[in-house]
Amino acid sequence: RSIAAGDPSLRCHAPVLTVLELTSGAALSVQPHD
């Protein structure tokens, strides 16, 4: 959540097949296992 504009940090996770990118704050209610 809230990955800052221009943030060069890598965010890595596994096992992953898809990534959904949204405006900051849009995924507040989303939890692992959804």
PDB file of all heavy atoms in Angstrom:
ATOM      1  N   ARG A   1       0.824  -1.211   0.000  1.00  0.00           N
ATOM      2  CA  ARG A   1       0.000   0.000   0.000  1.00  0.00           C
ATOM      3  C   ARG A   1       0.856   1.258   0.000  1.00  0.00           C
ATOM      4  O   ARG A   1       1.931   1.292   0.589  1.00  0.00           O
ATOM      5  CB  ARG A   1      -0.915  -0.001   1.219  1.00  0.00           C
ATOM      6  CG  ARG A   1      -1.956  -1.111   1.164  1.00  0.00           C
ATOM      7  CD  ARG A   1      -2.881  -1.078   2.382  1.00  0.00           C
ATOM      8  NE  ARG A   1      -3.874  -2.119   2.306  1.00  0.00           N
ATOM      9  CZ  ARG A   1      -3.693  -3.367   2.738  1.00  0.00           C
ATOM     10  NH1 ARG A   1      -2.548  -3.720   3.281  1.00  0.00           N
ATOM     11  NH2 ARG A   1      -4.658  -4.262   2.616  1.00  0.00           N
ATOM     12  N   SER A   2       0.342   2.275  -0.647  1.00  0.00           N
ATOM     13  CA  SER A   2       0.943   3.617  -0.644  1.00  0.00           C
ATOM     14  C   SER A   2       2.423   3.602  -1.027  1.00  0.00           C
ATOM     15  O   SER A   2       3.263   4.166  -0.336  1.00  0.00           O
ATOM     16  CB  SER A   2       0.765   4.270   0.727  1.00  0.00           C
ATOM     17  OG  SER A   2      -0.607   4.405   1.016  1.00  0.00           O
ATOM     18  N   ILE A   3       2.719   2.983  -2.159  1.00  0.00           N
ATOM     19  CA  ILE A   3       4.084   3.035  -2.692  1.00  0.00           C
ATOM     20  C   ILE A   3       4.268   4.445  -3.250  1.00  0.00           C
ATOM     21  O   ILE A   3       3.530   4.871  -4.141  1.00  0.00           O
ATOM     22  CB  ILE A   3       4.307   1.983  -3.792  1.00  0.00           C
ATOM     23  CG1 ILE A   3       3.996   0.574  -3.255  1.00  0.00           C
ATOM     24  CG2 ILE A   3       5.730   2.071  -4.330  1.00  0.00           C
ATOM     25  CD1 ILE A   3       3.975  -0.502  -4.323  1.00  0.00           C
ATOM     26  N   ALA A   4       5.210   5.167  -2.708  1.00  0.00           N
ATOM     27  CA  ALA A   4       5.393   6.584  -3.044  1.00  0.00           C
ATOM     28  C   ALA A   4       5.760   6.788  -4.511  1.00  0.00           C
ATOM     29  O   ALA A   4       6.428   5.948  -5.128  1.00  0.00           O
ATOM     30  CB  ALA A   4       6.473   7.190  -2.157  1.00  0.00           C
ATOM     31  N   ALA A   5       5.332   7.922  -5.051  1.00  0.00           N
ATOM     32  CA  ALA A   5       5.737   8.314  -6.401  1.00  0.00           C
ATOM     33  C   ALA A   5       7.257   8.372  -6.459  1.00  0.00           C
ATOM     34  O   ALA A   5       7.899   8.883  -5.543  1.00  0.00           O
ATOM     35  CB  ALA A   5       5.145   9.674  -6.744  1.00  0.00           C
ATOM     36  N   GLY A   6       7.835   7.819  -7.508  1.00  0.00           N
ATOM     37  CA  GLY A   6       9.277   7.865  -7.695  1.00  0.00           C
ATOM     38  C   GLY A   6      10.075   6.937  -6.798  1.00  0.00           C
ATOM     39  O   GLY A   6      11.310   6.985  -6.805  1.00  0.00           O
ATOM     40  N   ASP A   7       9.428   6.075  -6.035  1.00  0.00           N
ATOM     41  CA  ASP A   7      10.130   5.170  -5.121  1.00  0.00           C
ATOM     42  C   ASP A   7      10.832   4.071  -5.918  1.00  0.00           C
ATOM     43  O   ASP A   7      10.179   3.256  -6.573  1.00  0.00           O
ATOM     44  CB  ASP A   7       9.144   4.552  -4.136  1.00  0.00           C
ATOM     45  CG  ASP A   7       9.807   3.684  -3.078  1.00  0.00           C
ATOM     46  OD1 ASP A   7      10.984   3.294  -3.246  1.00  0.00           O
ATOM     47  OD2 ASP A   7       9.140   3.383  -2.076  1.00  0.00           O
ATOM     48  N   PRO A   8      12.185   4.024  -5.865  1.00  0.00           N
ATOM     49  CA  PRO A   8      12.924   3.030  -6.645  1.00  0.00           C
ATOM     50  C   PRO A   8      13.026   1.659  -5.966  1.00  0.00           C
ATOM     51  O   PRO A   8      13.571   0.732  -6.554  1.00  0.00           O
ATOM     52  CB  PRO A   8      14.310   3.666  -6.763  1.00  0.00           C
ATOM     53  CG  PRO A   8      14.458   4.431  -5.491  1.00  0.00           C
ATOM     54  CD  PRO A   8      13.063   4.958  -5.181  1.00  0.00           C
ATOM     55  N   SER A   9      12.500   1.531  -4.766  1.00  0.00           N
ATOM     56  CA  SER A   9      12.601   0.254  -4.042  1.00  0.00           C
ATOM     57  C   SER A   9      11.889  -0.854  -4.809  1.00  0.00           C
ATOM     58  O   SER A   9      10.836  -0.636  -5.415  1.00  0.00           O
ATOM     59  CB  SER A   9      11.947   0.357  -2.666  1.00  0.00           C
ATOM     60  OG  SER A   9      12.504   1.399  -1.923  1.00  0.00           O
ATOM     61  N   LEU A  10      12.482  -2.046  -4.755  1.00  0.00           N
ATOM     62  CA  LEU A  10      11.836  -3.214  -5.341  1.00  0.00           C
ATOM     63  C   LEU A  10      10.899  -3.820  -4.306  1.00  0.00           C
ATOM     64  O   LEU A  10      11.244  -3.940  -3.135  1.00  0.00           O
ATOM     65  CB  LEU A  10      12.867  -4.254  -5.761  1.00  0.00           C
ATOM     66  CG  LEU A  10      13.721  -3.908  -6.973  1.00  0.00           C
ATOM     67  CD1 LEU A  10      14.713  -5.026  -7.237  1.00  0.00           C
ATOM     68  CD2 LEU A  10      12.853  -3.665  -8.198  1.00  0.00           C
ATOM     69  N   ARG A  11       9.725  -4.193  -4.762  1.00  0.00           N
ATOM     70  CA  ARG A  11       8.761  -4.914  -3.923  1.00  0.00           C
ATOM     71  C   ARG A  11       8.570  -6.265  -4.582  1.00  0.00           C
ATOM     72  O   ARG A  11       8.036  -6.338  -5.684  1.00  0.00           O
ATOM     73  CB  ARG A  11       7.460  -4.149  -3.854  1.00  0.00           C
ATOM     74  CG  ARG A  11       7.774  -2.847  -3.062  1.00  0.00           C
ATOM     75  CD  ARG A  11       6.947  -2.133  -2.544  1.00  0.00           C
ATOM     76  NE  ARG A  11       7.045  -1.087  -1.620  1.00  0.00           N
ATOM     77  CZ  ARG A  11       7.702   0.033  -1.739  1.00  0.00           C
ATOM     78  NH1 ARG A  11       8.504   0.260  -2.740  1.00  0.00           N
ATOM     79  NH2 ARG A  11       7.581   0.959  -0.813  1.00  0.00           N
ATOM     80  N   CYS A  12       9.039  -7.316  -3.919  1.00  0.00           N
ATOM     81  CA  CYS A  12       9.067  -8.657  -4.496  1.00  0.00           C
ATOM     82  C   CYS A  12       8.238  -9.616  -3.654  1.00  0.00           C
ATOM     83  O   CYS A  12       8.313  -9.580  -2.418  1.00  0.00           O
ATOM     84  CB  CYS A  12      10.503  -9.178  -4.559  1.00  0.00           C
ATOM     85  SG  CYS A  12      11.634  -8.110  -5.488  1.00  0.00           S
ATOM     86  N   HIS A  13       7.463 -10.465  -4.342  1.00  0.00           N
ATOM     87  CA  HIS A  13       6.655 -11.476  -3.659  1.00  0.00           C
ATOM     88  C   HIS A  13       6.576 -12.725  -4.521  1.00  0.00           C
ATOM     89  O   HIS A  13       6.702 -12.658  -5.743  1.00  0.00           O
ATOM     90  CB  HIS A  13       5.248 -10.936  -3.367  1.00  0.00           C
ATOM     91  CG  HIS A  13       5.254  -9.788  -2.430  1.00  0.00           C
ATOM     92  ND1 HIS A  13       5.387  -9.939  -1.066  1.00  0.00           N
ATOM     93  CD2 HIS A  13       5.195  -8.448  -2.653  1.00  0.00           C
ATOM     94  CE1 HIS A  13       5.380  -8.746  -0.487  1.00  0.00           C
ATOM     95  NE2 HIS A  13       5.266  -7.825  -1.440  1.00  0.00           N
ATOM     96  N   ALA A  14       6.334 -13.857  -3.888  1.00  0.00           N
ATOM     97  CA  ALA A  14       6.174 -15.136  -4.580  1.00  0.00           C
ATOM     98  C   ALA A  14       5.221 -15.999  -3.762  1.00  0.00           C
ATOM     99  O   ALA A  14       5.110 -15.819  -2.553  1.00  0.00           O
ATOM    100  CB  ALA A  14       7.534 -15.823  -4.721  1.00  0.00           C
ATOM    101  N   PRO A  15       4.535 -16.923  -4.386  1.00  0.00           N
ATOM    102  CA  PRO A  15       4.424 -17.140  -5.832  1.00  0.00           C
ATOM    103  C   PRO A  15       3.392 -16.190  -6.427  1.00  0.00           C
ATOM    104  O   PRO A  15       2.296 -16.049  -5.903  1.00  0.00           O
ATOM    105  CB  PRO A  15       3.941 -18.585  -5.930  1.00  0.00           C
ATOM    106  CG  PRO A  15       3.114 -18.774  -4.684  1.00  0.00           C
ATOM    107  CD  PRO A  15       3.766 -17.911  -3.622  1.00  0.00           C
ATOM    108  N   VAL A  16       3.752 -15.529  -7.517  1.00  0.00           N
ATOM    109  CA  VAL A  16       2.882 -14.518  -8.122  1.00  0.00           C
ATOM    110  C   VAL A  16       2.781 -14.757  -9.631  1.00  0.00           C
ATOM    111  O   VAL A  16       3.778 -15.063 -10.282  1.00  0.00           O
ATOM    112  CB  VAL A  16       3.422 -13.094  -7.843  1.00  0.00           C
ATOM    113  CG1 VAL A  16       2.674 -12.034  -8.631  1.00  0.00           C
ATOM    114  CG2 VAL A  16       3.355 -12.793  -6.353  1.00  0.00           C
ATOM    115  N   LEU A  17       1.569 -14.596 -10.167  1.00  0.00           N
ATOM    116  CA  LEU A  17       1.336 -14.650 -11.609  1.00  0.00           C
ATOM    117  C   LEU A  17       0.772 -13.321 -12.112  1.00  0.00           C
ATOM    118  O   LEU A  17       0.950 -12.969 -13.266  1.00  0.00           O
ATOM    119  CB  LEU A  17       0.363 -15.779 -11.952  1.00  0.00           C
ATOM    120  CG  LEU A  17       0.164 -16.083 -13.428  1.00  0.00           C
ATOM    121  CD1 LEU A  17       1.451 -16.627 -14.041  1.00  0.00           C
ATOM    122  CD2 LEU A  17      -0.968 -17.066 -13.622  1.00  0.00           C
ATOM    123  N   THR A  18       0.084 -12.557 -11.227  1.00  0.00           N
ATOM    124  CA  THR A  18      -0.497 -11.279 -11.619  1.00  0.00           C
ATOM    125  C   THR A  18      -0.255 -10.220 -10.545  1.00  0.00           C
ATOM    126  O   THR A  18      -0.166 -10.536  -9.362  1.00  0.00           O
ATOM    127  CB  THR A  18      -2.028 -11.378 -11.848  1.00  0.00           C
ATOM    128  OG1 THR A  18      -2.648 -11.764 -10.637  1.00  0.00           O
ATOM    129  CG2 THR A  18      -2.369 -12.361 -12.932  1.00  0.00           C
ATOM    130  N   VAL A  19      -0.155  -8.976 -11.002  1.00  0.00           N
ATOM    131  CA  VAL A  19      -0.059  -7.830 -10.097  1.00  0.00           C
ATOM    132  C   VAL A  19      -1.074  -6.801 -10.574  1.00  0.00           C
ATOM    133  O   VAL A  19      -1.116  -6.462 -11.756  1.00  0.00           O
ATOM    134  CB  VAL A  19       1.353  -7.205 -10.087  1.00  0.00           C
ATOM    135  CG1 VAL A  19       1.387  -5.979  -9.177  1.00  0.00           C
ATOM    136  CG2 VAL A  19       2.403  -8.219  -9.663  1.00  0.00           C
ATOM    137  N   LEU A  20      -1.887  -6.316  -9.659  1.00  0.00           N
ATOM    138  CA  LEU A  20      -2.852  -5.267  -9.951  1.00  0.00           C
ATOM    139  C   LEU A  20      -2.348  -3.977  -9.336  1.00  0.00           C
ATOM    140  O   LEU A  20      -2.159  -3.893  -8.121  1.00  0.00           O
ATOM    141  CB  LEU A  20      -4.225  -5.628  -9.367  1.00  0.00           C
ATOM    142  CG  LEU A  20      -5.328  -4.577  -9.491  1.00  0.00           C
ATOM    143  CD1 LEU A  20      -5.620  -4.251 -10.956  1.00  0.00           C
ATOM    144  CD2 LEU A  20      -6.579  -5.037  -8.763  1.00  0.00           C
ATOM    145  N   GLU A  21      -2.099  -2.969 -10.175  1.00  0.00           N
ATOM    146  CA  GLU A  21      -1.656  -1.661  -9.703  1.00  0.00           C
ATOM    147  C   GLU A  21      -2.839  -0.701  -9.743  1.00  0.00           C
ATOM    148  O   GLU A  21      -3.548  -0.625 -10.749  1.00  0.00           O
ATOM    149  CB  GLU A  21      -0.506  -1.136 -10.563  1.00  0.00           C
ATOM    150  CG  GLU A  21       0.726  -2.020 -10.472  1.00  0.00           C
ATOM    151  CD  GLU A  21       1.906  -1.515 -11.281  1.00  0.00           C
ATOM    152  OE1 GLU A  21       1.733  -0.656 -12.182  1.00  0.00           O
ATOM    153  OE2 GLU A  21       3.021  -1.985 -11.006  1.00  0.00           O
ATOM    154  N   LEU A  22      -3.025   0.027  -8.636  1.00  0.00           N
ATOM    155  CA  LEU A  22      -4.170   0.920  -8.454  1.00  0.00           C
ATOM    156  C   LEU A  22      -3.706   2.234  -7.855  1.00  0.00           C
ATOM    157  O   LEU A  22      -2.589   2.334  -7.348  1.00  0.00           O
ATOM    158  CB  LEU A  22      -5.173   0.281  -7.479  1.00  0.00           C
ATOM    159  CG  LEU A  22      -5.668  -1.109  -7.816  1.00  0.00           C
ATOM    160  CD1 LEU A  22      -6.046  -1.860  -6.562  1.00  0.00           C
ATOM    161  CD2 LEU A  22      -6.841  -0.990  -8.764  1.00  0.00           C
ATOM    162  N   THR A  23      -4.591   3.226  -7.842  1.00  0.00           N
ATOM    163  CA  THR A  23      -4.269   4.466  -7.149  1.00  0.00           C
ATOM    164  C   THR A  23      -4.083   4.174  -5.661  1.00  0.00           C
ATOM    165  O   THR A  23      -4.720   3.275  -5.107  1.00  0.00           O
ATOM    166  CB  THR A  23      -5.375   5.521  -7.323  1.00  0.00           C
ATOM    167  OG1 THR A  23      -6.596   4.982  -6.844  1.00  0.00           O
ATOM    168  CG2 THR A  23      -5.524   5.940  -8.758  1.00  0.00           C
ATOM    169  N   SER A  24      -3.234   4.925  -5.031  1.00  0.00           N
ATOM    170  CA  SER A  24      -2.960   4.733  -3.608  1.00  0.00           C
ATOM    171  C   SER A  24      -4.249   4.864  -2.799  1.00  0.00           C
ATOM    172  O   SER A  24      -5.041   5.781  -3.002  1.00  0.00           O
ATOM    173  CB  SER A  24      -1.942   5.780  -3.136  1.00  0.00           C
ATOM    174  OG  SER A  24      -1.618   5.573  -1.787  1.00  0.00           O
ATOM    175  N   GLY A  25      -4.467   3.910  -1.912  1.00  0.00           N
ATOM    176  CA  GLY A  25      -5.652   3.904  -1.067  1.00  0.00           C
ATOM    177  C   GLY A  25      -6.758   3.006  -1.588  1.00  0.00           C
ATOM    178  O   GLY A  25      -7.679   2.659  -0.856  1.00  0.00           O
ATOM    179  N   ALA A  26      -6.692   2.609  -2.844  1.00  0.00           N
ATOM    180  CA  ALA A  26      -7.757   1.801  -3.448  1.00  0.00           C
ATOM    181  C   ALA A  26      -7.813   0.385  -2.885  1.00  0.00           C
ATOM    182  O   ALA A  26      -8.864  -0.244  -2.882  1.00  0.00           O
ATOM    183  CB  ALA A  26      -7.590   1.750  -4.964  1.00  0.00           C
ATOM    184  N   ALA A  27      -6.684  -0.126  -2.400  1.00  0.00           N
ATOM    185  CA  ALA A  27      -6.633  -1.511  -1.925  1.00  0.00           C
ATOM    186  C   ALA A  27      -6.674  -1.620  -0.403  1.00  0.00           C
ATOM    187  O   ALA A  27      -6.253  -2.632   0.163  1.00  0.00           O
ATOM    188  CB  ALA A  27      -5.389  -2.203  -2.476  1.00  0.00           C
ATOM    189  N   LEU A  28      -7.185  -0.586   0.263  1.00  0.00           N
ATOM    190  CA  LEU A  28      -7.201  -0.592   1.734  1.00  0.00           C
ATOM    191  C   LEU A  28      -7.910  -1.804   2.330  1.00  0.00           C
ATOM    192  O   LEU A  28      -7.486  -2.327   3.362  1.00  0.00           O
ATOM    193  CB  LEU A  28      -7.858   0.680   2.265  1.00  0.00           C
ATOM    194  CG  LEU A  28      -6.996   1.926   2.254  1.00  0.00           C
ATOM    195  CD1 LEU A  28      -7.796   3.134   2.715  1.00  0.00           C
ATOM    196  CD2 LEU A  28      -5.757   1.741   3.098  1.00  0.00           C
ATOM    197  N   SER A  29      -8.970  -2.280   1.705  1.00  0.00           N
ATOM    198  CA  SER A  29      -9.733  -3.392   2.279  1.00  0.00           C
ATOM    199  C   SER A  29      -9.252  -4.762   1.805  1.00  0.00           C
ATOM    200  O   SER A  29      -9.718  -5.786   2.292  1.00  0.00           O
ATOM    201  CB  SER A  29     -11.220  -3.235   1.956  1.00  0.00           C
ATOM    202  OG  SER A  29     -11.423  -3.315   0.563  1.00  0.00           O
ATOM    203  N   VAL A  30      -8.312  -4.798   0.868  1.00  0.00           N
ATOM    204  CA  VAL A  30      -7.817  -6.068   0.327  1.00  0.00           C
ATOM    205  C   VAL A  30      -6.828  -6.692   1.301  1.00  0.00           C
ATOM    206  O   VAL A  30      -5.959  -6.015   1.851  1.00  0.00           O
ATOM    207  CB  VAL A  30      -7.166  -5.858  -1.057  1.00  0.00           C
ATOM    208  CG1 VAL A  30      -6.596  -7.160  -1.601  1.00  0.00           C
ATOM    209  CG2 VAL A  30      -8.163  -5.246  -2.027  1.00  0.00           C
ATOM    210  N   GLN A  31      -6.974  -8.010   1.493  1.00  0.00           N
ATOM    211  CA  GLN A  31      -6.126  -8.746   2.438  1.00  0.00           C
ATOM    212  C   GLN A  31      -5.560 -10.001   1.771  1.00  0.00           C
ATOM    213  O   GLN A  31      -6.166 -10.530   0.834  1.00  0.00           O
ATOM    214  CB  GLN A  31      -6.952  -9.187   3.663  1.00  0.00           C
ATOM    215  CG  GLN A  31      -7.572  -8.056   4.441  1.00  0.00           C
ATOM    216  CD  GLN A  31      -6.526  -7.153   5.062  1.00  0.00           C
ATOM    217  OE1 GLN A  31      -5.510  -7.612   5.570  1.00  0.00           O
ATOM    218  NE2 GLN A  31      -6.766  -5.854   5.012  1.00  0.00           N
ATOM    219  N   PRO A  32      -4.418 -10.505   2.259  1.00  0.00           N
ATOM    220  CA  PRO A  32      -3.938 -11.801   1.774  1.00  0.00           C
ATOM    221  C   PRO A  32      -5.041 -12.853   1.940  1.00  0.00           C
ATOM    222  O   PRO A  32      -5.838 -12.791   2.879  1.00  0.00           O
ATOM    223  CB  PRO A  32      -2.740 -12.092   2.677  1.00  0.00           C
ATOM    224  CG  PRO A  32      -2.235 -10.723   3.037  1.00  0.00           C
ATOM    225  CD  PRO A  32      -3.498  -9.897   3.206  1.00  0.00           C
ATOM    226  N   HIS A  33      -5.103 -13.767   1.003  1.00  0.00           N
ATOM    227  CA  HIS A  33      -6.085 -14.858   0.928  1.00  0.00           C
ATOM    228  C   HIS A  33      -7.388 -14.431   0.277  1.00  0.00           C
ATOM    229  O   HIS A  33      -8.248 -15.273   0.052  1.00  0.00           O
ATOM    230  CB  HIS A  33      -6.331 -15.532   2.280  1.00  0.00           C
ATOM    231  CG  HIS A  33      -5.079 -15.980   2.946  1.00  0.00           C
ATOM    232  ND1 HIS A  33      -4.295 -16.996   2.450  1.00  0.00           N
ATOM    233  CD2 HIS A  33      -4.449 -15.523   4.046  1.00  0.00           C
ATOM    234  CE1 HIS A  33      -3.235 -17.152   3.233  1.00  0.00           C
ATOM    235  NE2 HIS A  33      -3.300 -16.262   4.196  1.00  0.00           N
ATOM    236  N   ASP A  34      -7.584 -13.129  -0.024  1.00  0.00           N
ATOM    237  CA  ASP A  34      -8.715 -12.726  -0.843  1.00  0.00           C
ATOM    238  C   ASP A  34      -8.495 -13.310  -2.241  1.00  0.00           C
ATOM    239  O   ASP A  34      -7.408 -13.814  -2.552  1.00  0.00           O
ATOM    240  CB  ASP A  34      -8.812 -11.200  -0.941  1.00  0.00           C
ATOM    241  CG  ASP A  34      -9.305 -10.548   0.343  1.00  0.00           C
ATOM    242  OD1 ASP A  34      -9.740 -11.268   1.254  1.00  0.00           O
ATOM    243  OD2 ASP A  34      -9.249  -9.304   0.418  1.00  0.00           O
TER     244      ASP A  34
END
